[in-house]
Amino acid sequence: FKRELHLHHTAEDELIWPVLRPRLAHSEAALSVLAAMEAEHEQ
């Protein structure tokens, strides 16, 4: 479980959210969601 969660969150933080961020730079709401996703991973 821990191994799969680490792989899943790492993929999101390194490969998914960074791809979305420049595409959604015009939307403060979208950027806020992406920041929240990363913060929740850390929690």
All heavy atoms as atom14 arrays in JSON, in Angstrom:
{
  "sequence": "FKRELHLHHTAEDELIWPVLRPRLAHSEAALSVLAAMEAEHEQ",
  "atom14_mask": [
    [1, 1, 1, 1, 1, 1, 1, 1, 1, 1, 1, 0, 0, 0],
    [1, 1, 1, 1, 1, 1, 1, 1, 1, 0, 0, 0, 0, 0],
    [1, 1, 1, 1, 1, 1, 1, 1, 1, 1, 1, 0, 0, 0],
    [1, 1, 1, 1, 1, 1, 1, 1, 1, 0, 0, 0, 0, 0],
    [1, 1, 1, 1, 1, 1, 1, 1, 0, 0, 0, 0, 0, 0],
    [1, 1, 1, 1, 1, 1, 1, 1, 1, 1, 0, 0, 0, 0],
    [1, 1, 1, 1, 1, 1, 1, 1, 0, 0, 0, 0, 0, 0],
    [1, 1, 1, 1, 1, 1, 1, 1, 1, 1, 0, 0, 0, 0],
    [1, 1, 1, 1, 1, 1, 1, 1, 1, 1, 0, 0, 0, 0],
    [1, 1, 1, 1, 1, 1, 1, 0, 0, 0, 0, 0, 0, 0],
    [1, 1, 1, 1, 1, 0, 0, 0, 0, 0, 0, 0, 0, 0],
    [1, 1, 1, 1, 1, 1, 1, 1, 1, 0, 0, 0, 0, 0],
    [1, 1, 1, 1, 1, 1, 1, 1, 0, 0, 0, 0, 0, 0],
    [1, 1, 1, 1, 1, 1, 1, 1, 1, 0, 0, 0, 0, 0],
    [1, 1, 1, 1, 1, 1, 1, 1, 0, 0, 0, 0, 0, 0],
    [1, 1, 1, 1, 1, 1, 1, 1, 0, 0, 0, 0, 0, 0],
    [1, 1, 1, 1, 1, 1, 1, 1, 1, 1, 1, 1, 1, 1],
    [1, 1, 1, 1, 1, 1, 1, 0, 0, 0, 0, 0, 0, 0],
    [1, 1, 1, 1, 1, 1, 1, 0, 0, 0, 0, 0, 0, 0],
    [1, 1, 1, 1, 1, 1, 1, 1, 0, 0, 0, 0, 0, 0],
    [1, 1, 1, 1, 1, 1, 1, 1, 1, 1, 1, 0, 0, 0],
    [1, 1, 1, 1, 1, 1, 1, 0, 0, 0, 0, 0, 0, 0],
    [1, 1, 1, 1, 1, 1, 1, 1, 1, 1, 1, 0, 0, 0],
    [1, 1, 1, 1, 1, 1, 1, 1, 0, 0, 0, 0, 0, 0],
    [1, 1, 1, 1, 1, 0, 0, 0, 0, 0, 0, 0, 0, 0],
    [1, 1, 1, 1, 1, 1, 1, 1, 1, 1, 0, 0, 0, 0],
    [1, 1, 1, 1, 1, 1, 0, 0, 0, 0, 0, 0, 0, 0],
    [1, 1, 1, 1, 1, 1, 1, 1, 1, 0, 0, 0, 0, 0],
    [1, 1, 1, 1, 1, 0, 0, 0, 0, 0, 0, 0, 0, 0],
    [1, 1, 1, 1, 1, 0, 0, 0, 0, 0, 0, 0, 0, 0],
    [1, 1, 1, 1, 1, 1, 1, 1, 0, 0, 0, 0, 0, 0],
    [1, 1, 1, 1, 1, 1, 0, 0, 0, 0, 0, 0, 0, 0],
    [1, 1, 1, 1, 1, 1, 1, 0, 0, 0, 0, 0, 0, 0],
    [1, 1, 1, 1, 1, 1, 1, 1, 0, 0, 0, 0, 0, 0],
    [1, 1, 1, 1, 1, 0, 0, 0, 0, 0, 0, 0, 0, 0],
    [1, 1, 1, 1, 1, 0, 0, 0, 0, 0, 0, 0, 0, 0],
    [1, 1, 1, 1, 1, 1, 1, 1, 0, 0, 0, 0, 0, 0],
    [1, 1, 1, 1, 1, 1, 1, 1, 1, 0, 0, 0, 0, 0],
    [1, 1, 1, 1, 1, 0, 0, 0, 0, 0, 0, 0, 0, 0],
    [1, 1, 1, 1, 1, 1, 1, 1, 1, 0, 0, 0, 0, 0],
    [1, 1, 1, 1, 1, 1, 1, 1, 1, 1, 0, 0, 0, 0],
    [1, 1, 1, 1, 1, 1, 1, 1, 1, 0, 0, 0, 0, 0],
    [1, 1, 1, 1, 1, 1, 1, 1, 1, 0, 0, 0, 0, 0]
  ],
  "atom14_positions": [
    [[0.84, -1.21, 0.0], [0.0, 0.0, 0.0], [0.87, 1.25, 0.0], [0.65, 2.17, -0.8], [-0.91, -0.02, 1.23], [-1.69, 1.24, 1.46], [-2.9, 1.45, 0.83], [-1.22, 2.23, 2.31], [-3.63, 2.62, 1.04], [-1.92, 3.4, 2.52], [-3.14, 3.59, 1.89], [0.0, 0.0, 0.0], [0.0, 0.0, 0.0], [0.0, 0.0, 0.0]],
    [[1.85, 1.31, 0.88], [2.73, 2.48, 0.96], [3.52, 2.67, -0.34], [3.68, 3.81, -0.8], [3.71, 2.33, 2.13], [3.07, 2.46, 3.49], [4.14, 2.48, 4.58], [4.89, 1.16, 4.65], [5.93, 1.17, 5.71], [0.0, 0.0, 0.0], [0.0, 0.0, 0.0], [0.0, 0.0, 0.0], [0.0, 0.0, 0.0], [0.0, 0.0, 0.0]],
    [[3.97, 1.58, -0.91], [4.75, 1.66, -2.15], [3.89, 2.21, -3.29], [4.32, 3.09, -4.04], [5.29, 0.27, -2.5], [6.26, 0.24, -3.66], [7.14, -0.99, -3.59], [6.4, -2.25, -3.67], [6.3, -3.11, -2.65], [6.84, -2.84, -1.48], [5.64, -4.24, -2.8], [0.0, 0.0, 0.0], [0.0, 0.0, 0.0], [0.0, 0.0, 0.0]],
    [[2.66, 1.72, -3.4], [1.79, 2.19, -4.48], [1.36, 3.64, -4.25], [1.26, 4.42, -5.21], [0.55, 1.29, -4.58], [0.84, -0.12, -5.03], [1.5, -0.2, -6.39], [1.28, 0.71, -7.23], [2.28, -1.15, -6.62], [0.0, 0.0, 0.0], [0.0, 0.0, 0.0], [0.0, 0.0, 0.0], [0.0, 0.0, 0.0], [0.0, 0.0, 0.0]],
    [[1.14, 4.02, -3.01], [0.78, 5.41, -2.73], [1.94, 6.35, -3.06], [1.73, 7.44, -3.62], [0.37, 5.56, -1.26], [-0.21, 6.91, -0.86], [-1.5, 7.2, -1.62], [-0.47, 6.96, 0.66], [0.0, 0.0, 0.0], [0.0, 0.0, 0.0], [0.0, 0.0, 0.0], [0.0, 0.0, 0.0], [0.0, 0.0, 0.0], [0.0, 0.0, 0.0]],
    [[3.15, 5.92, -2.73], [4.32, 6.75, -3.06], [4.46, 6.92, -4.57], [4.69, 8.04, -5.06], [5.58, 6.11, -2.48], [6.84, 6.79, -2.89], [7.22, 8.02, -2.39], [7.82, 6.43, -3.79], [8.37, 8.38, -2.94], [8.75, 7.44, -3.79], [0.0, 0.0, 0.0], [0.0, 0.0, 0.0], [0.0, 0.0, 0.0], [0.0, 0.0, 0.0]],
    [[4.33, 5.83, -5.33], [4.44, 5.91, -6.78], [3.35, 6.81, -7.36], [3.59, 7.62, -8.26], [4.33, 4.52, -7.4], [5.52, 3.58, -7.19], [5.19, 2.2, -7.74], [6.77, 4.13, -7.86], [0.0, 0.0, 0.0], [0.0, 0.0, 0.0], [0.0, 0.0, 0.0], [0.0, 0.0, 0.0], [0.0, 0.0, 0.0], [0.0, 0.0, 0.0]],
    [[2.13, 6.69, -6.83], [0.99, 7.46, -7.32], [1.19, 8.95, -7.07], [1.03, 9.77, -7.98], [-0.27, 6.95, -6.62], [-1.54, 7.51, -7.15], [-2.17, 7.02, -8.27], [-2.33, 8.52, -6.71], [-3.28, 7.7, -8.51], [-3.4, 8.63, -7.56], [0.0, 0.0, 0.0], [0.0, 0.0, 0.0], [0.0, 0.0, 0.0], [0.0, 0.0, 0.0]],
    [[1.54, 9.3, -5.85], [1.71, 10.71, -5.5], [2.94, 11.31, -6.19], [2.91, 12.48, -6.6], [1.8, 10.87, -3.99], [0.47, 10.78, -3.32], [0.32, 10.85, -1.94], [-0.78, 10.63, -3.83], [-0.97, 10.75, -1.65], [-1.64, 10.61, -2.78], [0.0, 0.0, 0.0], [0.0, 0.0, 0.0], [0.0, 0.0, 0.0], [0.0, 0.0, 0.0]],
    [[4.01, 10.53, -6.3], [5.2, 11.03, -6.99], [4.9, 11.33, -8.46], [5.34, 12.35, -9.01], [6.35, 10.03, -6.88], [6.68, 9.84, -5.49], [7.59, 10.53, -7.62], [0.0, 0.0, 0.0], [0.0, 0.0, 0.0], [0.0, 0.0, 0.0], [0.0, 0.0, 0.0], [0.0, 0.0, 0.0], [0.0, 0.0, 0.0], [0.0, 0.0, 0.0]],
    [[4.14, 10.44, -9.1], [3.77, 10.66, -10.5], [2.94, 11.93, -10.65], [3.14, 12.71, -11.59], [2.99, 9.45, -11.03], [0.0, 0.0, 0.0], [0.0, 0.0, 0.0], [0.0, 0.0, 0.0], [0.0, 0.0, 0.0], [0.0, 0.0, 0.0], [0.0, 0.0, 0.0], [0.0, 0.0, 0.0], [0.0, 0.0, 0.0], [0.0, 0.0, 0.0]],
    [[2.04, 12.15, -9.72], [1.23, 13.37, -9.79], [2.09, 14.62, -9.59], [1.99, 15.59, -10.34], [0.11, 13.31, -8.74], [-0.95, 12.28, -9.06], [-2.0, 12.15, -7.97], [-1.74, 12.57, -6.82], [-3.09, 11.61, -8.27], [0.0, 0.0, 0.0], [0.0, 0.0, 0.0], [0.0, 0.0, 0.0], [0.0, 0.0, 0.0], [0.0, 0.0, 0.0]],
    [[2.94, 14.58, -8.56], [3.74, 15.76, -8.21], [4.81, 16.07, -9.26], [5.17, 17.24, -9.46], [4.4, 15.57, -6.85], [3.4, 15.61, -5.7], [2.29, 16.12, -5.9], [3.74, 15.1, -4.61], [0.0, 0.0, 0.0], [0.0, 0.0, 0.0], [0.0, 0.0, 0.0], [0.0, 0.0, 0.0], [0.0, 0.0, 0.0], [0.0, 0.0, 0.0]],
    [[5.35, 15.04, -9.92], [6.47, 15.25, -10.83], [6.07, 15.22, -12.31], [6.75, 15.85, -13.13], [7.55, 14.19, -10.58], [8.18, 14.28, -9.2], [9.29, 13.27, -8.98], [9.55, 12.46, -9.91], [9.88, 13.28, -7.89], [0.0, 0.0, 0.0], [0.0, 0.0, 0.0], [0.0, 0.0, 0.0], [0.0, 0.0, 0.0], [0.0, 0.0, 0.0]],
    [[4.99, 14.51, -12.66], [4.67, 14.32, -14.07], [3.31, 14.87, -14.49], [3.11, 15.12, -15.68], [4.72, 12.82, -14.41], [6.07, 12.13, -14.22], [5.95, 10.65, -14.53], [7.14, 12.76, -15.11], [0.0, 0.0, 0.0], [0.0, 0.0, 0.0], [0.0, 0.0, 0.0], [0.0, 0.0, 0.0], [0.0, 0.0, 0.0], [0.0, 0.0, 0.0]],
    [[2.39, 15.03, -13.54], [1.04, 15.45, -13.94], [0.8, 16.92, -13.61], [0.53, 17.74, -14.5], [-0.03, 14.57, -13.28], [0.16, 13.11, -13.72], [-1.43, 15.06, -13.66], [-0.81, 12.13, -13.09], [0.0, 0.0, 0.0], [0.0, 0.0, 0.0], [0.0, 0.0, 0.0], [0.0, 0.0, 0.0], [0.0, 0.0, 0.0], [0.0, 0.0, 0.0]],
    [[0.88, 17.28, -12.33], [0.58, 18.67, -11.95], [1.51, 19.66, -12.65], [1.04, 20.72, -13.11], [0.63, 18.86, -10.44], [-0.15, 17.92, -9.59], [0.22, 17.43, -8.37], [-1.45, 17.35, -9.84], [-0.73, 16.58, -7.87], [-1.77, 16.51, -8.75], [-2.35, 17.43, -10.9], [-2.96, 15.8, -8.67], [-3.55, 16.71, -10.83], [-3.84, 15.91, -9.73]],
    [[2.83, 19.37, -12.82], [3.69, 20.33, -13.52], [3.3, 20.54, -14.99], [3.55, 21.61, -15.55], [5.09, 19.71, -13.41], [5.03, 18.87, -12.17], [3.64, 18.3, -12.17], [0.0, 0.0, 0.0], [0.0, 0.0, 0.0], [0.0, 0.0, 0.0], [0.0, 0.0, 0.0], [0.0, 0.0, 0.0], [0.0, 0.0, 0.0], [0.0, 0.0, 0.0]],
    [[2.71, 19.51, -15.62], [2.25, 19.65, -17.0], [1.01, 20.54, -17.05], [0.82, 21.33, -17.98], [1.96, 18.27, -17.61], [1.31, 18.41, -18.99], [3.25, 17.46, -17.73], [0.0, 0.0, 0.0], [0.0, 0.0, 0.0], [0.0, 0.0, 0.0], [0.0, 0.0, 0.0], [0.0, 0.0, 0.0], [0.0, 0.0, 0.0], [0.0, 0.0, 0.0]],
    [[0.15, 20.4, -16.05], [-1.1, 21.18, -16.04], [-0.87, 22.65, -15.7], [-1.57, 23.53, -16.21], [-2.08, 20.59, -15.02], [-2.54, 19.15, -15.23], [-3.6, 18.8, -14.19], [-3.07, 18.93, -16.63], [0.0, 0.0, 0.0], [0.0, 0.0, 0.0], [0.0, 0.0, 0.0], [0.0, 0.0, 0.0], [0.0, 0.0, 0.0], [0.0, 0.0, 0.0]],
    [[0.11, 22.91, -14.83], [0.26, 24.26, -14.29], [0.43, 25.34, -15.37], [-0.29, 26.35, -15.34], [1.4, 24.28, -13.27], [1.45, 25.55, -12.43], [2.39, 25.41, -11.25], [1.73, 24.7, -10.14], [2.04, 23.47, -9.76], [2.98, 22.78, -10.37], [1.41, 22.91, -8.75], [0.0, 0.0, 0.0], [0.0, 0.0, 0.0], [0.0, 0.0, 0.0]],
    [[1.32, 25.18, -16.34], [1.43, 26.25, -17.35], [0.2, 26.35, -18.25], [-0.13, 27.44, -18.73], [2.67, 25.84, -18.17], [2.86, 24.39, -17.89], [2.37, 24.17, -16.51], [0.0, 0.0, 0.0], [0.0, 0.0, 0.0], [0.0, 0.0, 0.0], [0.0, 0.0, 0.0], [0.0, 0.0, 0.0], [0.0, 0.0, 0.0], [0.0, 0.0, 0.0]],
    [[-0.5, 25.24, -18.45], [-1.7, 25.28, -19.27], [-2.83, 26.04, -18.57], [-3.74, 26.57, -19.22], [-2.18, 23.86, -19.57], [-1.2, 22.99, -20.35], [-1.13, 23.37, -21.81], [-0.24, 22.51, -22.57], [-0.62, 21.41, -23.21], [-1.9, 21.03, -23.19], [0.25, 20.7, -23.88], [0.0, 0.0, 0.0], [0.0, 0.0, 0.0], [0.0, 0.0, 0.0]],
    [[-2.79, 26.04, -17.25], [-3.88, 26.63, -16.46], [-3.44, 27.89, -15.73], [-4.1, 28.32, -14.77], [-4.4, 25.59, -15.46], [-4.94, 24.3, -16.08], [-5.15, 23.24, -15.02], [-6.25, 24.56, -16.82], [0.0, 0.0, 0.0], [0.0, 0.0, 0.0], [0.0, 0.0, 0.0], [0.0, 0.0, 0.0], [0.0, 0.0, 0.0], [0.0, 0.0, 0.0]],
    [[-2.33, 28.48, -16.18], [-1.78, 29.63, -15.48], [-2.73, 30.82, -15.45], [-2.61, 31.69, -14.58], [-0.46, 30.04, -16.14], [0.0, 0.0, 0.0], [0.0, 0.0, 0.0], [0.0, 0.0, 0.0], [0.0, 0.0, 0.0], [0.0, 0.0, 0.0], [0.0, 0.0, 0.0], [0.0, 0.0, 0.0], [0.0, 0.0, 0.0], [0.0, 0.0, 0.0]],
    [[-3.68, 30.85, -16.35], [-4.65, 31.96, -16.41], [-5.73, 31.84, -15.34], [-6.49, 32.78, -15.13], [-5.33, 31.96, -17.78], [-6.09, 30.7, -18.06], [-5.46, 29.53, -18.44], [-7.42, 30.41, -17.98], [-6.37, 28.58, -18.6], [-7.56, 29.09, -18.33], [0.0, 0.0, 0.0], [0.0, 0.0, 0.0], [0.0, 0.0, 0.0], [0.0, 0.0, 0.0]],
    [[-5.8, 30.69, -14.65], [-6.88, 30.44, -13.69], [-6.33, 30.34, -12.28], [-5.68, 29.35, -11.93], [-7.62, 29.15, -14.05], [-8.53, 28.79, -13.03], [0.0, 0.0, 0.0], [0.0, 0.0, 0.0], [0.0, 0.0, 0.0], [0.0, 0.0, 0.0], [0.0, 0.0, 0.0], [0.0, 0.0, 0.0], [0.0, 0.0, 0.0], [0.0, 0.0, 0.0]],
    [[-6.6, 31.33, -11.46], [-6.17, 31.27, -10.05], [-6.83, 30.11, -9.33], [-6.21, 29.48, -8.46], [-6.5, 32.59, -9.35], [-5.66, 33.77, -9.81], [-5.94, 35.01, -8.99], [-6.63, 34.9, -7.96], [-5.45, 36.1, -9.37], [0.0, 0.0, 0.0], [0.0, 0.0, 0.0], [0.0, 0.0, 0.0], [0.0, 0.0, 0.0], [0.0, 0.0, 0.0]],
    [[-8.07, 29.82, -9.67], [-8.78, 28.72, -9.01], [-8.1, 27.39, -9.32], [-7.9, 26.56, -8.42], [-10.23, 28.69, -9.46], [0.0, 0.0, 0.0], [0.0, 0.0, 0.0], [0.0, 0.0, 0.0], [0.0, 0.0, 0.0], [0.0, 0.0, 0.0], [0.0, 0.0, 0.0], [0.0, 0.0, 0.0], [0.0, 0.0, 0.0], [0.0, 0.0, 0.0]],
    [[-7.73, 27.17, -10.58], [-7.06, 25.92, -10.95], [-5.71, 25.79, -10.27], [-5.36, 24.73, -9.75], [-6.91, 25.85, -12.46], [0.0, 0.0, 0.0], [0.0, 0.0, 0.0], [0.0, 0.0, 0.0], [0.0, 0.0, 0.0], [0.0, 0.0, 0.0], [0.0, 0.0, 0.0], [0.0, 0.0, 0.0], [0.0, 0.0, 0.0], [0.0, 0.0, 0.0]],
    [[-4.94, 26.88, -10.25], [-3.63, 26.84, -9.6], [-3.77, 26.58, -8.11], [-2.94, 25.89, -7.51], [-2.88, 28.15, -9.85], [-2.49, 28.43, -11.3], [-1.77, 29.77, -11.41], [-1.62, 27.31, -11.88], [0.0, 0.0, 0.0], [0.0, 0.0, 0.0], [0.0, 0.0, 0.0], [0.0, 0.0, 0.0], [0.0, 0.0, 0.0], [0.0, 0.0, 0.0]],
    [[-4.82, 27.1, -7.5], [-5.07, 26.86, -6.09], [-5.36, 25.38, -5.84], [-4.89, 24.8, -4.84], [-6.24, 27.71, -5.62], [-6.58, 27.42, -4.27], [0.0, 0.0, 0.0], [0.0, 0.0, 0.0], [0.0, 0.0, 0.0], [0.0, 0.0, 0.0], [0.0, 0.0, 0.0], [0.0, 0.0, 0.0], [0.0, 0.0, 0.0], [0.0, 0.0, 0.0]],
    [[-6.1, 24.75, -6.74], [-6.38, 23.32, -6.61], [-5.09, 22.52, -6.7], [-4.85, 21.61, -5.9], [-7.39, 22.86, -7.69], [-7.46, 21.34, -7.73], [-8.77, 23.45, -7.41], [0.0, 0.0, 0.0], [0.0, 0.0, 0.0], [0.0, 0.0, 0.0], [0.0, 0.0, 0.0], [0.0, 0.0, 0.0], [0.0, 0.0, 0.0], [0.0, 0.0, 0.0]],
    [[-4.24, 22.83, -7.67], [-2.99, 22.09, -7.82], [-2.09, 22.26, -6.6], [-1.46, 21.29, -6.14], [-2.26, 22.56, -9.08], [-2.98, 22.29, -10.41], [-2.17, 22.83, -11.58], [-3.25, 20.81, -10.59], [0.0, 0.0, 0.0], [0.0, 0.0, 0.0], [0.0, 0.0, 0.0], [0.0, 0.0, 0.0], [0.0, 0.0, 0.0], [0.0, 0.0, 0.0]],
    [[-2.05, 23.46, -6.04], [-1.27, 23.68, -4.82], [-1.84, 22.86, -3.66], [-1.08, 22.3, -2.85], [-1.26, 25.16, -4.47], [0.0, 0.0, 0.0], [0.0, 0.0, 0.0], [0.0, 0.0, 0.0], [0.0, 0.0, 0.0], [0.0, 0.0, 0.0], [0.0, 0.0, 0.0], [0.0, 0.0, 0.0], [0.0, 0.0, 0.0], [0.0, 0.0, 0.0]],
    [[-3.16, 22.78, -3.59], [-3.79, 22.0, -2.52], [-3.49, 20.51, -2.66], [-3.27, 19.82, -1.66], [-5.31, 22.23, -2.54], [0.0, 0.0, 0.0], [0.0, 0.0, 0.0], [0.0, 0.0, 0.0], [0.0, 0.0, 0.0], [0.0, 0.0, 0.0], [0.0, 0.0, 0.0], [0.0, 0.0, 0.0], [0.0, 0.0, 0.0], [0.0, 0.0, 0.0]],
    [[-3.45, 20.01, -3.9], [-3.13, 18.6, -4.11], [-1.74, 18.27, -3.54], [-1.56, 17.27, -2.84], [-3.16, 18.27, -5.61], [-4.52, 18.38, -6.28], [-5.78, 17.24, -5.64], [-6.72, 18.34, -4.57], [0.0, 0.0, 0.0], [0.0, 0.0, 0.0], [0.0, 0.0, 0.0], [0.0, 0.0, 0.0], [0.0, 0.0, 0.0], [0.0, 0.0, 0.0]],
    [[-0.77, 19.12, -3.84], [0.59, 18.88, -3.34], [0.66, 19.02, -1.82], [1.35, 18.23, -1.15], [1.57, 19.83, -4.03], [1.7, 19.56, -5.52], [2.61, 20.56, -6.22], [2.75, 21.68, -5.71], [3.17, 20.2, -7.27], [0.0, 0.0, 0.0], [0.0, 0.0, 0.0], [0.0, 0.0, 0.0], [0.0, 0.0, 0.0], [0.0, 0.0, 0.0]],
    [[-0.05, 19.99, -1.27], [-0.04, 20.19, 0.19], [-0.66, 18.99, 0.9], [-0.17, 18.55, 1.95], [-0.79, 21.47, 0.54], [0.0, 0.0, 0.0], [0.0, 0.0, 0.0], [0.0, 0.0, 0.0], [0.0, 0.0, 0.0], [0.0, 0.0, 0.0], [0.0, 0.0, 0.0], [0.0, 0.0, 0.0], [0.0, 0.0, 0.0], [0.0, 0.0, 0.0]],
    [[-1.73, 18.44, 0.33], [-2.37, 17.28, 0.95], [-1.46, 16.06, 0.9], [-1.47, 15.24, 1.84], [-3.71, 17.02, 0.25], [-4.75, 18.08, 0.59], [-6.0, 18.0, -0.27], [-6.2, 16.97, -0.97], [-6.79, 18.95, -0.26], [0.0, 0.0, 0.0], [0.0, 0.0, 0.0], [0.0, 0.0, 0.0], [0.0, 0.0, 0.0], [0.0, 0.0, 0.0]],
    [[-0.7, 15.92, -0.16], [0.28, 14.82, -0.2], [1.25, 14.92, 0.97], [1.57, 13.91, 1.62], [1.06, 14.86, -1.51], [0.27, 14.45, -2.71], [0.81, 14.45, -3.99], [-1.01, 14.02, -2.84], [-0.11, 14.04, -4.85], [-1.22, 13.78, -4.18], [0.0, 0.0, 0.0], [0.0, 0.0, 0.0], [0.0, 0.0, 0.0], [0.0, 0.0, 0.0]],
    [[1.73, 16.11, 1.24], [2.69, 16.3, 2.33], [2.07, 16.01, 3.69], [2.76, 15.54, 4.6], [3.23, 17.74, 2.29], [4.09, 18.04, 1.08], [4.58, 19.47, 1.06], [4.24, 20.23, 1.99], [5.31, 19.84, 0.12], [0.0, 0.0, 0.0], [0.0, 0.0, 0.0], [0.0, 0.0, 0.0], [0.0, 0.0, 0.0], [0.0, 0.0, 0.0]],
    [[0.79, 16.26, 3.84], [0.11, 15.99, 5.11], [-0.06, 14.5, 5.36], [-0.15, 14.07, 6.52], [-1.25, 16.68, 5.11], [-1.18, 18.2, 5.13], [-2.51, 18.87, 4.83], [-3.52, 18.19, 4.64], [-2.51, 20.19, 4.76], [0.0, 0.0, 0.0], [0.0, 0.0, 0.0], [0.0, 0.0, 0.0], [0.0, 0.0, 0.0], [0.0, 0.0, 0.0]]
  ]
}
